[in-house]
Amino acid sequence: MILIKLKLTGVTAKGKQRIKQAGTDIWQVLTVRDKVHFEMRPGPWWFIGPVDVENETSFTRWINSKDDRDFTYEIL
């Protein structure tokens, strides 16, 4: 799997808070799926986690790579 690193920007209060809690805006893509069970919008969906953060699994989340409600991103 190719490692994709992202610089996240929160566009909602929820997104901004998630970045603040993780302590970094640099995240990496851990898994890619076309569909997720909690959302009907098409993917691809990326399961992401913060880079170089102890206990990174506490902050993992799914984002829609085309149209996420809480984040925008830049691929690094």
N, C-alpha and C. Protein backbone atom coordinates (compact mmCIF):
# COMPACT_ATOMS: atom_id res chain seq x y z
N MET A 1 0.84 -1.19 0.00
CA MET A 1 0.00 0.00 0.00
C MET A 1 0.88 1.25 0.00
N ILE A 2 0.50 2.21 -0.78
CA ILE A 2 1.22 3.47 -0.85
C ILE A 2 0.82 4.34 0.33
N LEU A 3 1.80 4.89 1.01
CA LEU A 3 1.52 5.76 2.14
C LEU A 3 1.14 7.15 1.63
N ILE A 4 -0.03 7.61 2.03
CA ILE A 4 -0.50 8.95 1.66
C ILE A 4 -0.56 9.77 2.94
N LYS A 5 0.17 10.88 2.96
CA LYS A 5 0.11 11.81 4.09
C LYS A 5 -0.71 13.02 3.69
N LEU A 6 -1.48 13.52 4.64
CA LEU A 6 -2.38 14.64 4.41
C LEU A 6 -2.13 15.74 5.42
N LYS A 7 -2.32 16.97 4.99
CA LYS A 7 -2.40 18.09 5.93
C LYS A 7 -3.87 18.45 6.02
N LEU A 8 -4.48 18.20 7.17
CA LEU A 8 -5.91 18.45 7.36
C LEU A 8 -6.16 19.88 7.81
N THR A 9 -7.28 20.41 7.36
CA THR A 9 -7.78 21.68 7.84
C THR A 9 -9.23 21.46 8.26
N GLY A 10 -9.57 21.84 9.47
CA GLY A 10 -10.94 21.71 9.95
C GLY A 10 -11.80 22.81 9.36
N VAL A 11 -12.97 22.45 8.82
CA VAL A 11 -13.89 23.45 8.27
C VAL A 11 -15.12 23.62 9.16
N THR A 12 -15.32 22.69 10.08
CA THR A 12 -16.40 22.80 11.07
C THR A 12 -15.76 22.79 12.45
N ALA A 13 -16.55 23.12 13.45
CA ALA A 13 -16.04 23.08 14.82
C ALA A 13 -15.60 21.66 15.18
N LYS A 14 -16.34 20.66 14.72
CA LYS A 14 -15.99 19.27 14.98
C LYS A 14 -14.63 18.92 14.37
N GLY A 15 -14.40 19.33 13.13
CA GLY A 15 -13.13 19.06 12.47
C GLY A 15 -11.96 19.77 13.14
N LYS A 16 -12.16 21.02 13.48
CA LYS A 16 -11.11 21.80 14.15
C LYS A 16 -10.77 21.18 15.51
N GLN A 17 -11.79 20.74 16.23
CA GLN A 17 -11.57 20.15 17.55
C GLN A 17 -10.81 18.83 17.42
N ARG A 18 -11.11 18.02 16.43
CA ARG A 18 -10.43 16.74 16.23
C ARG A 18 -8.94 16.96 15.99
N ILE A 19 -8.60 17.94 15.17
CA ILE A 19 -7.19 18.25 14.90
C ILE A 19 -6.51 18.74 16.18
N LYS A 20 -7.20 19.60 16.92
CA LYS A 20 -6.64 20.14 18.17
C LYS A 20 -6.39 19.01 19.18
N GLN A 21 -7.33 18.09 19.30
CA GLN A 21 -7.18 16.97 20.24
C GLN A 21 -6.00 16.09 19.87
N ALA A 22 -5.80 15.85 18.58
CA ALA A 22 -4.68 15.01 18.13
C ALA A 22 -3.34 15.73 18.29
N GLY A 23 -3.36 17.05 18.27
CA GLY A 23 -2.14 17.81 18.43
C GLY A 23 -1.32 17.95 17.16
N THR A 24 -1.91 17.59 16.03
CA THR A 24 -1.22 17.70 14.75
C THR A 24 -2.23 17.80 13.62
N ASP A 25 -1.82 18.48 12.55
CA ASP A 25 -2.68 18.52 11.36
C ASP A 25 -2.15 17.61 10.26
N ILE A 26 -1.09 16.84 10.56
CA ILE A 26 -0.53 15.88 9.60
C ILE A 26 -1.06 14.49 9.94
N TRP A 27 -1.79 13.92 8.99
CA TRP A 27 -2.42 12.61 9.17
C TRP A 27 -2.03 11.71 8.01
N GLN A 28 -2.25 10.40 8.17
CA GLN A 28 -1.95 9.47 7.08
C GLN A 28 -3.14 8.57 6.81
N VAL A 29 -3.26 8.16 5.56
CA VAL A 29 -4.34 7.26 5.15
C VAL A 29 -3.93 5.84 5.53
N LEU A 30 -4.79 5.16 6.30
CA LEU A 30 -4.52 3.82 6.76
C LEU A 30 -5.25 2.76 5.94
N THR A 31 -6.46 3.10 5.47
CA THR A 31 -7.30 2.18 4.71
C THR A 31 -8.14 2.98 3.73
N VAL A 32 -8.46 2.39 2.59
CA VAL A 32 -9.33 3.02 1.60
C VAL A 32 -10.49 2.06 1.30
N ARG A 33 -11.72 2.61 1.29
CA ARG A 33 -12.90 1.81 0.93
C ARG A 33 -13.81 2.63 0.03
N ASP A 34 -14.54 1.94 -0.84
CA ASP A 34 -15.50 2.61 -1.70
C ASP A 34 -16.78 2.97 -0.96
N LYS A 35 -17.14 2.15 0.05
CA LYS A 35 -18.37 2.36 0.82
C LYS A 35 -18.07 2.20 2.30
N VAL A 36 -18.85 2.89 3.11
CA VAL A 36 -18.82 2.70 4.56
C VAL A 36 -20.25 2.48 5.04
N HIS A 37 -20.41 1.76 6.13
CA HIS A 37 -21.76 1.39 6.58
C HIS A 37 -22.57 2.54 7.16
N PHE A 38 -21.93 3.61 7.56
CA PHE A 38 -22.63 4.70 8.24
C PHE A 38 -23.04 5.85 7.33
N GLU A 39 -22.71 5.76 6.05
CA GLU A 39 -22.97 6.89 5.14
C GLU A 39 -23.28 6.37 3.74
N MET A 40 -24.28 6.97 3.09
CA MET A 40 -24.68 6.54 1.75
C MET A 40 -23.91 7.26 0.64
N ARG A 41 -23.26 8.38 0.98
CA ARG A 41 -22.52 9.12 -0.05
C ARG A 41 -21.42 8.24 -0.63
N PRO A 42 -21.16 8.37 -1.94
CA PRO A 42 -20.11 7.56 -2.55
C PRO A 42 -18.73 7.96 -2.05
N GLY A 43 -17.80 7.02 -2.14
CA GLY A 43 -16.41 7.25 -1.74
C GLY A 43 -15.60 7.72 -2.92
N PRO A 44 -14.33 7.51 -2.82
CA PRO A 44 -13.68 6.67 -1.82
C PRO A 44 -13.63 7.33 -0.45
N TRP A 45 -13.67 6.45 0.56
CA TRP A 45 -13.55 6.85 1.95
C TRP A 45 -12.17 6.48 2.44
N TRP A 46 -11.55 7.37 3.18
CA TRP A 46 -10.22 7.13 3.73
C TRP A 46 -10.33 7.02 5.24
N PHE A 47 -9.75 5.97 5.79
CA PHE A 47 -9.60 5.82 7.25
C PHE A 47 -8.25 6.41 7.60
N ILE A 48 -8.23 7.46 8.40
CA ILE A 48 -7.00 8.21 8.64
C ILE A 48 -6.65 8.23 10.12
N GLY A 49 -5.36 8.44 10.38
CA GLY A 49 -4.87 8.61 11.74
C GLY A 49 -3.75 9.63 11.75
N PRO A 50 -3.55 10.31 12.87
CA PRO A 50 -2.50 11.32 12.94
C PRO A 50 -1.12 10.68 12.88
N VAL A 51 -0.17 11.40 12.31
CA VAL A 51 1.21 10.92 12.17
C VAL A 51 1.99 11.27 13.44
N ASP A 52 2.80 10.32 13.90
CA ASP A 52 3.70 10.54 15.04
C ASP A 52 2.99 11.01 16.30
N VAL A 53 1.83 10.44 16.57
CA VAL A 53 1.10 10.77 17.79
C VAL A 53 0.97 9.50 18.61
N GLU A 54 1.38 9.57 19.87
CA GLU A 54 1.23 8.42 20.74
C GLU A 54 -0.26 8.12 20.88
N ASN A 55 -0.61 6.87 20.84
CA ASN A 55 -2.02 6.47 20.95
C ASN A 55 -2.83 6.95 19.76
N GLU A 56 -2.26 6.87 18.56
CA GLU A 56 -2.93 7.40 17.36
C GLU A 56 -4.31 6.79 17.12
N THR A 57 -4.53 5.56 17.59
CA THR A 57 -5.83 4.92 17.34
C THR A 57 -6.96 5.63 18.08
N SER A 58 -6.66 6.45 19.08
CA SER A 58 -7.69 7.22 19.77
C SER A 58 -8.29 8.30 18.87
N PHE A 59 -7.57 8.66 17.82
CA PHE A 59 -7.99 9.78 16.97
C PHE A 59 -8.38 9.38 15.56
N THR A 60 -8.33 8.10 15.22
CA THR A 60 -8.65 7.68 13.86
C THR A 60 -10.08 8.05 13.51
N ARG A 61 -10.30 8.22 12.20
CA ARG A 61 -11.65 8.55 11.72
C ARG A 61 -11.72 8.30 10.22
N TRP A 62 -12.93 8.24 9.70
CA TRP A 62 -13.17 8.13 8.27
C TRP A 62 -13.43 9.53 7.71
N ILE A 63 -12.86 9.81 6.54
CA ILE A 63 -13.20 11.03 5.81
C ILE A 63 -13.55 10.67 4.38
N ASN A 64 -14.43 11.44 3.80
CA ASN A 64 -14.76 11.27 2.39
C ASN A 64 -13.71 12.01 1.58
N SER A 65 -13.02 11.30 0.72
CA SER A 65 -11.89 11.91 0.00
C SER A 65 -12.32 12.93 -1.04
N LYS A 66 -13.61 12.95 -1.38
CA LYS A 66 -14.09 13.90 -2.39
C LYS A 66 -14.86 15.07 -1.79
N ASP A 67 -15.59 14.82 -0.71
CA ASP A 67 -16.50 15.85 -0.19
C ASP A 67 -16.77 15.62 1.30
N ASP A 68 -15.75 15.84 2.13
CA ASP A 68 -15.95 15.64 3.56
C ASP A 68 -16.60 16.86 4.19
N ARG A 69 -17.46 16.62 5.15
CA ARG A 69 -18.18 17.72 5.81
C ARG A 69 -17.32 18.47 6.82
N ASP A 70 -16.36 17.79 7.42
CA ASP A 70 -15.62 18.38 8.53
C ASP A 70 -14.21 18.85 8.17
N PHE A 71 -13.66 18.35 7.06
CA PHE A 71 -12.26 18.63 6.73
C PHE A 71 -12.06 18.94 5.25
N THR A 72 -11.03 19.72 4.98
CA THR A 72 -10.40 19.76 3.66
C THR A 72 -8.99 19.26 3.90
N TYR A 73 -8.30 18.92 2.82
CA TYR A 73 -6.96 18.38 2.99
C TYR A 73 -6.08 18.74 1.80
N GLU A 74 -4.79 18.65 2.06
CA GLU A 74 -3.78 18.80 1.03
C GLU A 74 -2.91 17.55 1.11
N ILE A 75 -2.68 16.89 -0.03
CA ILE A 75 -1.81 15.71 -0.04
C ILE A 75 -0.37 16.19 0.00
N LEU A 76 0.40 15.62 0.92
CA LEU A 76 1.82 16.01 1.07
C LEU A 76 2.72 15.08 0.30
